[in-house]
Amino acid sequence: MQRIEQYTIKSYGFSLIVNIEGVNNRATYYNVSLPKFSVATLALLDSVKTSIVTQVSLTSSEILDPKAIESIKSRFVRSASEILNKHLPNLDESTKNVLISKLMNDMVGLGPIEYLLLDGSLEEIVVNSSREPIRVYHKRYGWLMTSIIIEREEQIANYSEIIARRVGRQITTLDPLLDAHLITGDRANAVLYPISSKGNTITIRKFARDPWTVTDFIKNKTVTSQIFALIWLAIQYEMNIIISGGTGSGKTSLLNVCLPFMPPNNRIISIEDTRELQAPEFLYWAPLVTRLPNPEGKGQITMLDLLVNSLRMRPDRIILGEIRRQKEAEVLFEAMHTGHSVYSTLHANSISETISRLTNPPISVPSNLLEEVNLNLVMFRDRRNGIRRLYQLGEFLVEGEKGVVKPNILYRWKPTTDEIVKHSDSIKFFEELNRHTGMNQNEINKDLQEKKTILDFMVKHNIRKIEEVGKIMKEFYINKDNLLKSVKKGDKRGIIK
């Protein structure tokens, strides 16, 4: 195998080398250089574990408190350091850090999986069974087989139980399914044997520590600055947007990228199954997440429960993770009718398919309600080339007495040239914007150009961190003239301090 890329990941006081390997420049293997220990060292570590357990006493409330894990880890580290200093007083600091890391991962962590969680390039970590290596989904290379194998099914089951305890849950033979949202933001799913017939499985979807921003999407040609200016205008003036697309097309990522466009004085309520959205600090935001029932079948909180409750929280804007059922859709469209600005995602591959999914079972929204949707954005994932693009941007047109809904595509992606091009003029969007704001077309065009200028400035100066983007947006709403003056001068320091 040839080495395609090499980089390091930082662990507790030391670094690990990762080699991405493959054949003919096609990556297939993730080789990480885990520390190796002799039989004598492992025996010493077993003795140290016993001493740590004796020294560090944990109350039942600490064990069940998901927020206590960091405190527990720090106490274990102190105790491990003291014991190692006592047994091996001449041990160098680097080797001691490797041993402490091994102890922590084995005692209060997920063993070798902990090293994979440190790699910011990984999106997914999958343990299928003890008979095959762990697999990972890499941001640049897709699915890769790793050099790590968890040797016993009992150990995988133990890691599942550790994950469950961290969130105050249980996973047992009688209740063999676990879906947990960890404090770190990572989402963990576990299925025990024999429900998973190959063996115990764990799937961890990593929460983005450095989320995509509008600057990234423009630079990698996912969406143009011209179209982002249009989306920004729609969001600023409280118009309703549905983002469609297939699995893994980037619907939630696009929604997340658009969050900073919202004004700082608006109350935002988001509703998700698991927390994926990340917003800059300046937003007035209350994120809500659903909850599964406990083993007795009680305590479930559904999206519909949260959606109905959110209307009592005086929201200016409501974000729904995904429209799936009729009742959710009915409440959501009712929120649009009562003056709330609504944003949501939907599984559909085109604007026509979005209309079909909304107006047919299982969602079955009356077609006349679709008039409330101002823009429909459709995302597309080109799996062959490994790119994501805005596939279509358009509006819904409700025509005739029967309320037939037709799509009007304003922009579309042209795959032959990899460009997003104009397809047709708007029939409805700018007219509604004029009615909402009193702006004429010349004023709207000027506003769009100002927004595009700001976005292009951000790309030129690589302003891409979520809080940096947040500062730009906050300045726009608080002191637009000052922002435009700094942009015209090319003065990044005048904005990002």
Protein backbone atom coordinates (compact mmCIF):
# COMPACT_ATOMS: atom_id res chain seq x y z
CA MET A 1 0.00 0.00 0.00
CA GLN A 2 1.13 3.54 -0.68
CA ARG A 3 0.95 6.35 1.84
CA ILE A 4 -1.48 9.05 0.65
CA GLU A 5 -1.32 11.39 3.65
CA GLN A 6 0.30 11.53 7.09
CA TYR A 7 -0.68 13.74 10.01
CA THR A 8 -0.65 13.70 13.83
CA ILE A 9 -3.40 13.82 16.43
CA LYS A 10 -2.83 15.10 19.96
CA SER A 11 -3.61 12.82 22.89
CA TYR A 12 -2.92 13.35 26.61
CA GLY A 13 0.58 14.89 26.55
CA PHE A 14 1.77 13.06 23.41
CA SER A 15 1.05 12.69 19.69
CA LEU A 16 -0.12 9.80 17.53
CA ILE A 17 0.81 9.43 13.85
CA VAL A 18 -1.98 8.69 11.36
CA ASN A 19 -1.15 7.28 7.92
CA ILE A 20 -3.86 7.27 5.26
CA GLU A 21 -2.97 4.44 2.87
CA GLY A 22 -4.35 2.99 -0.35
CA VAL A 23 -3.71 1.80 -3.88
CA ASN A 24 -3.55 3.98 -7.03
CA ASN A 25 -4.12 7.10 -4.90
CA ARG A 26 -7.45 5.71 -3.67
CA ALA A 27 -7.51 5.73 0.14
CA THR A 28 -8.81 2.57 1.80
CA TYR A 29 -6.89 2.25 5.10
CA TYR A 30 -6.52 4.36 8.27
CA ASN A 31 -3.36 3.30 10.10
CA VAL A 32 -2.89 4.89 13.52
CA SER A 33 0.23 4.21 15.59
CA LEU A 34 -1.24 3.25 18.96
CA PRO A 35 1.16 2.82 21.90
CA LYS A 36 2.34 -0.79 22.41
CA PHE A 37 2.92 -2.26 25.87
CA SER A 38 4.94 -5.24 27.08
CA VAL A 39 3.39 -7.97 29.24
CA ALA A 40 5.26 -6.58 32.27
CA THR A 41 3.94 -3.05 31.65
CA LEU A 42 0.35 -4.33 31.29
CA ALA A 43 0.73 -6.21 34.59
CA LEU A 44 1.97 -3.00 36.24
CA LEU A 45 -1.00 -1.07 34.81
CA ASP A 46 -3.42 -3.67 36.22
CA SER A 47 -1.87 -3.12 39.64
CA VAL A 48 -2.15 0.65 39.23
CA LYS A 49 -5.83 0.30 38.25
CA THR A 50 -6.52 -1.53 41.50
CA SER A 51 -4.79 1.21 43.48
CA ILE A 52 -6.72 3.96 41.67
CA VAL A 53 -10.06 2.26 42.36
CA THR A 54 -9.08 2.06 46.06
CA GLN A 55 -8.04 5.73 46.22
CA VAL A 56 -10.78 7.36 44.12
CA SER A 57 -14.20 6.78 45.64
CA LEU A 58 -17.24 7.66 43.56
CA THR A 59 -20.75 8.29 44.82
CA SER A 60 -23.73 6.78 43.00
CA SER A 61 -24.87 10.28 42.01
CA GLU A 62 -21.48 10.97 40.36
CA ILE A 63 -21.63 7.72 38.42
CA LEU A 64 -25.10 8.57 37.11
CA ASP A 65 -24.37 12.26 36.49
CA PRO A 66 -23.40 12.70 32.81
CA LYS A 67 -21.81 16.09 33.59
CA ALA A 68 -19.42 14.64 36.19
CA ILE A 69 -17.23 12.73 33.70
CA GLU A 70 -14.57 15.47 33.37
CA SER A 71 -14.29 15.84 37.15
CA ILE A 72 -13.97 12.06 37.53
CA LYS A 73 -11.29 11.93 34.82
CA SER A 74 -9.21 14.69 36.45
CA ARG A 75 -9.29 12.87 39.82
CA PHE A 76 -8.24 9.62 38.12
CA VAL A 77 -5.37 11.43 36.36
CA ARG A 78 -4.08 12.89 39.64
CA SER A 79 -4.29 9.53 41.35
CA ALA A 80 -2.63 7.68 38.44
CA SER A 81 0.20 10.24 38.35
CA GLU A 82 0.88 9.87 42.09
CA ILE A 83 0.90 6.06 41.93
CA LEU A 84 3.18 5.95 38.88
CA ASN A 85 5.60 8.40 40.53
CA LYS A 86 5.69 6.12 43.55
CA HIS A 87 6.28 2.89 41.56
CA LEU A 88 8.48 4.39 38.83
CA PRO A 89 10.13 7.56 40.19
CA ASN A 90 12.54 7.86 37.22
CA LEU A 91 9.84 7.64 34.54
CA ASP A 92 10.11 10.40 31.91
CA GLU A 93 7.12 12.70 31.45
CA SER A 94 6.23 11.57 27.92
CA THR A 95 6.12 7.86 28.83
CA LYS A 96 4.12 8.67 31.97
CA ASN A 97 1.56 10.54 29.85
CA VAL A 98 1.21 7.52 27.54
CA LEU A 99 0.58 5.24 30.53
CA ILE A 100 -1.92 7.65 32.11
CA SER A 101 -3.75 7.90 28.78
CA LYS A 102 -3.96 4.10 28.60
CA LEU A 103 -5.29 3.93 32.16
CA MET A 104 -7.92 6.63 31.58
CA ASN A 105 -9.12 5.15 28.30
CA ASP A 106 -9.47 1.70 29.86
CA MET A 107 -11.07 2.77 33.15
CA VAL A 108 -13.37 5.69 32.35
CA GLY A 109 -13.21 5.86 28.55
CA LEU A 110 -13.88 3.80 25.45
CA GLY A 111 -10.44 2.23 25.12
CA PRO A 112 -8.80 2.75 21.70
CA ILE A 113 -11.97 4.46 20.39
CA GLU A 114 -10.92 7.48 22.48
CA TYR A 115 -7.93 8.04 20.19
CA LEU A 116 -10.22 8.11 17.13
CA LEU A 117 -12.46 10.67 18.84
CA LEU A 118 -9.46 13.02 18.98
CA ASP A 119 -9.13 13.11 15.17
CA GLY A 120 -10.99 16.16 13.88
CA SER A 121 -10.95 14.73 10.34
CA LEU A 122 -13.31 11.89 11.26
CA GLU A 123 -17.10 12.19 11.03
CA GLU A 124 -18.16 8.66 11.93
CA ILE A 125 -16.65 5.79 13.95
CA VAL A 126 -18.20 2.32 13.55
CA VAL A 127 -17.56 -0.85 15.55
CA ASN A 128 -19.33 -3.77 13.80
CA SER A 129 -18.10 -6.65 15.97
CA SER A 130 -14.94 -8.09 17.55
CA ARG A 131 -14.24 -10.04 14.36
CA GLU A 132 -13.45 -7.07 12.14
CA PRO A 133 -11.53 -3.77 12.37
CA ILE A 134 -13.17 -0.50 13.36
CA ARG A 135 -14.21 1.56 10.35
CA VAL A 136 -14.24 5.36 10.13
CA TYR A 137 -15.72 7.95 7.78
CA HIS A 138 -13.03 10.50 6.91
CA LYS A 139 -13.98 14.01 5.73
CA ARG A 140 -11.61 13.80 2.75
CA TYR A 141 -11.46 10.09 1.96
CA GLY A 142 -14.84 8.61 2.91
CA TRP A 143 -15.06 5.15 4.51
CA LEU A 144 -11.74 3.66 5.65
CA MET A 145 -10.81 0.47 7.48
CA THR A 146 -8.63 1.15 10.54
CA SER A 147 -5.77 -0.73 12.15
CA ILE A 148 -7.78 -1.08 15.40
CA ILE A 149 -9.71 -4.20 16.45
CA ILE A 150 -11.60 -4.57 19.74
CA GLU A 151 -10.83 -8.19 20.52
CA ARG A 152 -13.78 -9.26 22.73
CA GLU A 153 -17.54 -8.81 22.37
CA GLU A 154 -17.74 -8.26 26.14
CA GLN A 155 -15.52 -5.20 25.77
CA ILE A 156 -17.77 -3.69 23.08
CA ALA A 157 -20.78 -4.29 25.34
CA ASN A 158 -18.88 -2.64 28.20
CA TYR A 159 -18.18 0.45 26.07
CA SER A 160 -21.89 0.59 25.22
CA GLU A 161 -22.73 0.55 28.93
CA ILE A 162 -20.20 3.34 29.60
CA ILE A 163 -21.85 5.48 26.90
CA ALA A 164 -25.27 4.77 28.39
CA ARG A 165 -24.16 5.70 31.93
CA ARG A 166 -22.73 9.01 30.67
CA VAL A 167 -26.25 10.08 29.68
CA GLY A 168 -28.08 8.45 32.58
CA ARG A 169 -29.40 5.56 30.47
CA GLN A 170 -29.06 1.77 30.38
CA ILE A 171 -28.42 -0.79 27.65
CA THR A 172 -29.10 -4.42 28.54
CA THR A 173 -30.13 -7.71 26.95
CA LEU A 174 -33.77 -6.76 27.60
CA ASP A 175 -33.28 -3.23 26.25
CA PRO A 176 -30.55 -3.75 23.62
CA LEU A 177 -30.88 -0.46 21.69
CA LEU A 178 -29.24 2.81 22.71
CA ASP A 179 -29.41 6.19 21.00
CA ALA A 180 -27.53 8.75 23.07
CA HIS A 181 -26.57 12.39 22.62
CA LEU A 182 -23.31 12.91 24.52
CA ILE A 183 -22.24 16.09 26.35
CA THR A 184 -19.50 16.61 23.75
CA GLY A 185 -22.27 16.83 21.13
CA ASP A 186 -21.33 13.45 19.63
CA ARG A 187 -24.19 11.09 18.86
CA ALA A 188 -23.76 7.44 19.86
CA ASN A 189 -25.87 4.46 18.83
CA ALA A 190 -25.37 0.93 20.13
CA VAL A 191 -27.08 -2.39 19.34
CA LEU A 192 -26.31 -5.54 21.33
CA TYR A 193 -26.16 -9.15 20.13
CA PRO A 194 -28.34 -11.01 19.13
CA ILE A 195 -30.36 -8.07 17.73
CA SER A 196 -27.19 -7.27 15.79
CA SER A 197 -26.54 -10.82 14.62
CA LYS A 198 -22.87 -10.30 13.69
CA GLY A 199 -21.97 -9.01 17.17
CA ASN A 200 -22.30 -5.96 19.41
CA THR A 201 -22.12 -2.71 17.44
CA ILE A 202 -21.38 0.94 18.26
CA THR A 203 -21.77 3.87 15.87
CA ILE A 204 -20.52 7.32 16.91
CA ARG A 205 -21.29 10.37 14.77
CA LYS A 206 -18.88 13.11 15.75
CA PHE A 207 -20.12 16.61 16.43
CA ALA A 208 -18.29 19.21 14.31
CA ARG A 209 -15.83 21.06 16.58
CA ASP A 210 -15.15 23.50 13.74
CA PRO A 211 -18.43 23.77 11.83
CA TRP A 212 -18.83 24.85 8.23
CA THR A 213 -19.60 28.52 7.65
CA VAL A 214 -20.85 30.59 4.72
CA THR A 215 -17.22 31.37 3.79
CA ASP A 216 -16.40 27.66 3.43
CA PHE A 217 -19.47 27.03 1.27
CA ILE A 218 -18.58 29.88 -1.10
CA LYS A 219 -14.91 28.86 -1.31
CA ASN A 220 -15.69 25.23 -2.13
CA LYS A 221 -18.37 26.29 -4.66
CA THR A 222 -21.26 24.65 -2.78
CA VAL A 223 -23.26 27.91 -3.03
CA THR A 224 -22.29 31.23 -4.67
CA SER A 225 -22.07 34.53 -2.80
CA GLN A 226 -24.84 35.89 -5.05
CA ILE A 227 -27.26 33.18 -3.93
CA PHE A 228 -26.19 33.49 -0.29
CA ALA A 229 -27.01 37.22 -0.55
CA LEU A 230 -30.53 36.25 -1.69
CA ILE A 231 -30.91 33.74 1.16
CA TRP A 232 -29.60 36.33 3.64
CA LEU A 233 -32.15 38.86 2.37
CA ALA A 234 -34.96 36.31 2.77
CA ILE A 235 -33.88 35.43 6.31
CA GLN A 236 -33.41 39.06 7.34
CA TYR A 237 -37.00 39.86 6.38
CA GLU A 238 -38.51 36.76 8.04
CA MET A 239 -39.43 34.74 4.98
CA ASN A 240 -40.03 30.98 5.25
CA ILE A 241 -37.48 28.54 3.82
CA ILE A 242 -37.50 24.76 3.32
CA ILE A 243 -34.19 23.03 2.55
CA SER A 244 -34.56 19.73 0.66
CA GLY A 245 -32.09 17.07 -0.41
CA GLY A 246 -31.15 13.42 -0.19
CA THR A 247 -29.36 11.65 2.66
CA GLY A 248 -25.94 13.21 3.28
CA SER A 249 -26.52 15.98 0.73
CA GLY A 250 -25.80 18.75 3.26
CA LYS A 251 -29.30 19.96 4.20
CA THR A 252 -28.52 20.45 7.89
CA SER A 253 -25.09 21.89 7.07
CA LEU A 254 -26.68 24.53 4.82
CA LEU A 255 -29.27 25.34 7.49
CA ASN A 256 -26.47 25.70 10.04
CA VAL A 257 -24.46 27.94 7.71
CA CYS A 258 -27.48 30.23 7.31
CA LEU A 259 -28.14 30.69 11.05
CA PRO A 260 -25.80 33.71 11.45
CA PHE A 261 -27.93 35.63 8.91
CA MET A 262 -30.62 36.01 11.59
CA PRO A 263 -30.87 39.35 13.46
CA PRO A 264 -29.53 39.37 17.05
CA ASN A 265 -32.76 40.74 18.56
CA ASN A 266 -34.95 37.83 17.33
CA ARG A 267 -35.86 34.93 19.61
CA ILE A 268 -34.96 31.66 17.88
CA ILE A 269 -36.27 28.22 18.90
CA SER A 270 -34.70 25.18 17.25
CA ILE A 271 -36.13 21.65 17.50
CA GLU A 272 -34.01 18.59 16.64
CA ASP A 273 -33.83 14.87 17.33
CA THR A 274 -30.16 15.28 18.18
CA ARG A 275 -28.29 18.54 18.52
CA GLU A 276 -26.56 19.27 15.20
CA LEU A 277 -27.05 23.01 14.75
CA GLN A 278 -24.41 25.42 16.07
CA ALA A 279 -25.04 29.14 16.20
CA PRO A 280 -22.73 32.10 16.97
CA GLU A 281 -22.98 33.51 20.48
CA PHE A 282 -24.71 36.75 19.45
CA LEU A 283 -27.96 34.96 18.56
CA TYR A 284 -30.87 34.85 21.01
CA TRP A 285 -31.30 31.09 20.70
CA ALA A 286 -33.00 28.30 22.65
CA PRO A 287 -32.09 24.84 21.26
CA LEU A 288 -34.55 22.03 22.12
CA VAL A 289 -34.02 18.28 21.53
CA THR A 290 -36.39 15.32 21.63
CA ARG A 291 -36.12 12.49 24.16
CA LEU A 292 -36.75 8.76 23.78
CA PRO A 293 -38.90 6.91 26.35
CA ASN A 294 -37.24 5.17 29.30
CA PRO A 295 -37.27 1.33 29.63
CA GLU A 296 -40.79 1.56 31.12
CA GLY A 297 -41.98 3.44 28.03
CA LYS A 298 -42.39 6.75 29.86
CA GLY A 299 -40.89 10.22 29.51
CA GLN A 300 -40.81 10.49 25.73
CA ILE A 301 -40.69 14.01 24.28
CA THR A 302 -41.46 14.10 20.54
CA MET A 303 -40.84 16.75 17.91
CA LEU A 304 -44.57 17.49 17.89
CA ASP A 305 -44.50 18.07 21.68
CA LEU A 306 -41.63 20.52 21.30
CA LEU A 307 -43.15 22.22 18.27
CA VAL A 308 -46.46 22.85 20.04
CA ASN A 309 -44.60 24.00 23.16
CA SER A 310 -42.32 26.32 21.16
CA LEU A 311 -45.34 28.38 20.07
CA ARG A 312 -45.83 29.24 23.76
CA MET A 313 -42.23 30.48 24.06
CA ARG A 314 -42.79 33.72 22.10
CA PRO A 315 -40.51 32.76 19.18
CA ASP A 316 -39.75 35.07 16.28
CA ARG A 317 -38.22 32.21 14.33
CA ILE A 318 -38.71 28.44 14.53
CA ILE A 319 -36.24 25.90 13.16
CA LEU A 320 -37.45 22.32 12.79
CA GLY A 321 -34.76 19.70 12.18
CA GLU A 322 -36.84 17.74 9.68
CA ILE A 323 -40.47 17.49 8.54
CA ARG A 324 -41.52 13.83 8.77
CA ARG A 325 -45.17 13.56 9.77
CA GLN A 326 -48.49 15.19 9.01
CA LYS A 327 -49.11 16.61 12.48
CA GLU A 328 -45.65 18.21 12.62
CA ALA A 329 -46.18 19.74 9.18
CA GLU A 330 -49.64 21.05 10.11
CA VAL A 331 -48.34 22.78 13.24
CA LEU A 332 -45.36 24.13 11.29
CA PHE A 333 -47.52 25.62 8.53
CA GLU A 334 -49.89 26.98 11.14
CA ALA A 335 -46.89 28.74 12.71
CA MET A 336 -46.14 30.30 9.30
CA HIS A 337 -49.75 31.51 9.06
CA THR A 338 -49.57 33.12 12.50
CA GLY A 339 -46.57 35.23 11.52
CA HIS A 340 -43.62 33.13 12.69
CA SER A 341 -40.62 32.78 10.43
CA VAL A 342 -40.01 29.06 9.86
CA TYR A 343 -37.03 27.05 8.55
CA SER A 344 -36.94 23.30 8.12
CA THR A 345 -35.42 20.42 6.15
CA LEU A 346 -37.09 17.66 4.14
CA HIS A 347 -35.92 14.54 2.31
CA ALA A 348 -36.55 15.28 -1.40
CA ASN A 349 -34.27 15.45 -4.42
CA SER A 350 -35.83 18.36 -6.34
CA ILE A 351 -38.36 21.16 -5.94
CA SER A 352 -40.99 19.06 -7.74
CA GLU A 353 -40.32 16.15 -5.39
CA THR A 354 -40.52 18.50 -2.39
CA ILE A 355 -44.02 19.56 -3.47
CA SER A 356 -45.00 15.92 -4.01
CA ARG A 357 -43.69 14.84 -0.58
CA LEU A 358 -45.45 17.69 1.22
CA THR A 359 -48.83 17.18 -0.47
CA ASN A 360 -48.96 13.35 -0.42
CA PRO A 361 -48.92 10.76 2.40
CA PRO A 362 -47.49 10.50 4.98
CA ILE A 363 -47.24 14.33 5.28
CA SER A 364 -50.32 15.31 3.23
CA VAL A 365 -50.35 19.08 3.75
CA PRO A 366 -53.22 20.85 1.90
CA SER A 367 -51.69 22.36 -1.24
CA ASN A 368 -52.93 25.89 -0.48
CA LEU A 369 -50.71 25.98 2.65
CA LEU A 370 -47.58 25.80 0.47
CA GLU A 371 -48.16 29.43 -0.49
CA GLU A 372 -46.52 30.30 2.85
CA VAL A 373 -43.16 28.85 1.75
CA ASN A 374 -41.12 31.66 0.18
CA LEU A 375 -38.03 29.73 -0.93
CA ASN A 376 -37.12 26.09 -1.45
CA LEU A 377 -33.41 25.21 -1.54
CA VAL A 378 -32.39 21.76 -2.79
CA MET A 379 -28.98 20.25 -1.96
CA PHE A 380 -27.27 17.54 -4.01
CA ARG A 381 -24.36 15.22 -3.28
CA ASP A 382 -22.25 14.09 -6.24
CA ARG A 383 -20.81 10.87 -4.80
CA ARG A 384 -18.51 10.18 -7.77
CA ASN A 385 -16.67 13.50 -7.43
CA GLY A 386 -17.17 13.83 -3.67
CA ILE A 387 -18.81 17.27 -3.83
CA ARG A 388 -22.03 18.85 -2.54
CA ARG A 389 -23.84 21.59 -4.43
CA LEU A 390 -26.98 23.69 -4.25
CA TYR A 391 -28.94 21.80 -6.92
CA GLN A 392 -31.98 24.07 -7.24
CA LEU A 393 -33.33 27.26 -5.69
CA GLY A 394 -36.93 28.10 -6.39
CA GLU A 395 -40.43 28.97 -5.24
CA PHE A 396 -43.84 27.29 -5.08
CA LEU A 397 -46.64 28.67 -7.27
CA VAL A 398 -50.19 27.74 -6.26
CA GLU A 399 -52.52 28.06 -9.23
CA GLY A 400 -56.27 27.78 -9.89
CA GLU A 401 -59.25 26.89 -7.74
CA LYS A 402 -57.92 23.38 -7.08
CA GLY A 403 -54.68 24.84 -5.72
CA VAL A 404 -52.30 23.00 -8.06
CA VAL A 405 -48.73 23.62 -6.87
CA LYS A 406 -46.03 24.09 -9.50
CA PRO A 407 -42.31 24.74 -9.07
CA ASN A 408 -40.57 27.84 -10.41
CA ILE A 409 -36.82 27.20 -10.49
CA LEU A 410 -34.82 30.43 -10.15
CA TYR A 411 -31.32 28.94 -10.06
CA ARG A 412 -29.98 25.46 -10.84
CA TRP A 413 -26.65 23.62 -10.80
CA LYS A 414 -25.15 22.85 -14.19
CA PRO A 415 -23.00 19.71 -13.69
CA THR A 416 -21.16 19.92 -17.03
CA THR A 417 -19.48 23.20 -16.03
CA ASP A 418 -19.94 22.90 -12.23
CA GLU A 419 -21.73 26.26 -12.12
CA ILE A 420 -24.90 27.48 -10.45
CA VAL A 421 -26.74 29.40 -13.17
CA LYS A 422 -29.93 31.46 -13.38
CA HIS A 423 -32.85 29.44 -14.76
CA SER A 424 -35.84 31.81 -14.72
CA ASP A 425 -37.13 35.03 -13.18
CA SER A 426 -39.03 35.09 -9.90
CA ILE A 427 -42.81 35.39 -10.16
CA LYS A 428 -43.61 35.53 -6.47
CA PHE A 429 -40.55 36.04 -4.20
CA PHE A 430 -39.67 39.68 -4.95
CA GLU A 431 -43.33 40.66 -5.03
CA GLU A 432 -43.80 39.27 -1.52
CA LEU A 433 -40.57 40.90 -0.37
CA ASN A 434 -41.88 44.23 -1.67
CA ARG A 435 -45.12 43.70 0.24
CA HIS A 436 -43.24 42.76 3.45
CA THR A 437 -40.69 45.59 3.35
CA GLY A 438 -41.96 48.34 1.01
CA MET A 439 -38.66 48.12 -0.89
CA ASN A 440 -38.80 48.59 -4.66
CA GLN A 441 -36.71 46.45 -7.03
CA ASN A 442 -33.86 49.00 -7.20
CA GLU A 443 -33.60 49.06 -3.39
CA ILE A 444 -33.71 45.26 -3.28
CA ASN A 445 -30.93 45.03 -5.89
CA LYS A 446 -28.80 47.51 -3.93
CA ASP A 447 -29.34 45.51 -0.73
CA LEU A 448 -28.36 42.26 -2.50
CA GLN A 449 -25.19 43.87 -3.88
CA GLU A 450 -24.18 45.12 -0.41
CA LYS A 451 -24.63 41.65 1.04
CA LYS A 452 -22.66 40.06 -1.80
CA THR A 453 -19.84 42.58 -1.26
CA ILE A 454 -19.68 41.66 2.44
CA LEU A 455 -19.66 37.93 1.67
CA ASP A 456 -16.92 38.32 -0.96
CA PHE A 457 -14.89 40.35 1.58
CA MET A 458 -15.21 37.48 4.08
CA VAL A 459 -13.99 34.99 1.50
CA LYS A 460 -11.05 37.21 0.45
CA HIS A 461 -9.90 37.63 4.06
CA ASN A 462 -10.74 34.03 5.05
CA ILE A 463 -13.17 35.07 7.80
CA ARG A 464 -14.55 31.58 8.39
CA LYS A 465 -14.69 30.75 12.11
CA ILE A 466 -18.28 30.69 13.33
CA GLU A 467 -17.73 33.43 15.93
CA GLU A 468 -15.89 35.61 13.38
CA VAL A 469 -18.77 35.23 10.94
CA GLY A 470 -21.10 36.01 13.85
CA LYS A 471 -19.25 39.29 14.54
CA ILE A 472 -19.65 40.36 10.91
CA MET A 473 -23.39 39.62 10.96
CA LYS A 474 -23.91 41.30 14.30
CA GLU A 475 -22.10 44.41 13.05
CA PHE A 476 -24.33 44.41 9.96
CA TYR A 477 -27.48 44.58 12.07
CA ILE A 478 -26.10 47.03 14.65
CA ASN A 479 -23.95 49.37 12.52
CA LYS A 480 -24.29 48.53 8.84
CA ASP A 481 -22.66 51.77 7.60
CA ASN A 482 -19.54 51.14 9.70
CA LEU A 483 -19.31 47.57 8.39
CA LEU A 484 -19.63 48.64 4.75
CA LYS A 485 -17.00 51.34 5.33
CA SER A 486 -14.55 48.75 6.73
CA VAL A 487 -15.34 46.36 3.87
CA LYS A 488 -14.73 49.09 1.29
CA LYS A 489 -11.34 49.85 2.89
CA GLY A 490 -10.50 46.15 3.11
CA ASP A 491 -10.01 46.59 6.87
CA LYS A 492 -10.54 43.19 8.54
CA ARG A 493 -9.12 44.39 11.86
CA GLY A 494 -11.79 47.09 12.11
CA ILE A 495 -14.43 44.35 12.41
CA ILE A 496 -12.73 41.25 13.85
CA LYS A 497 -11.06 42.44 17.05
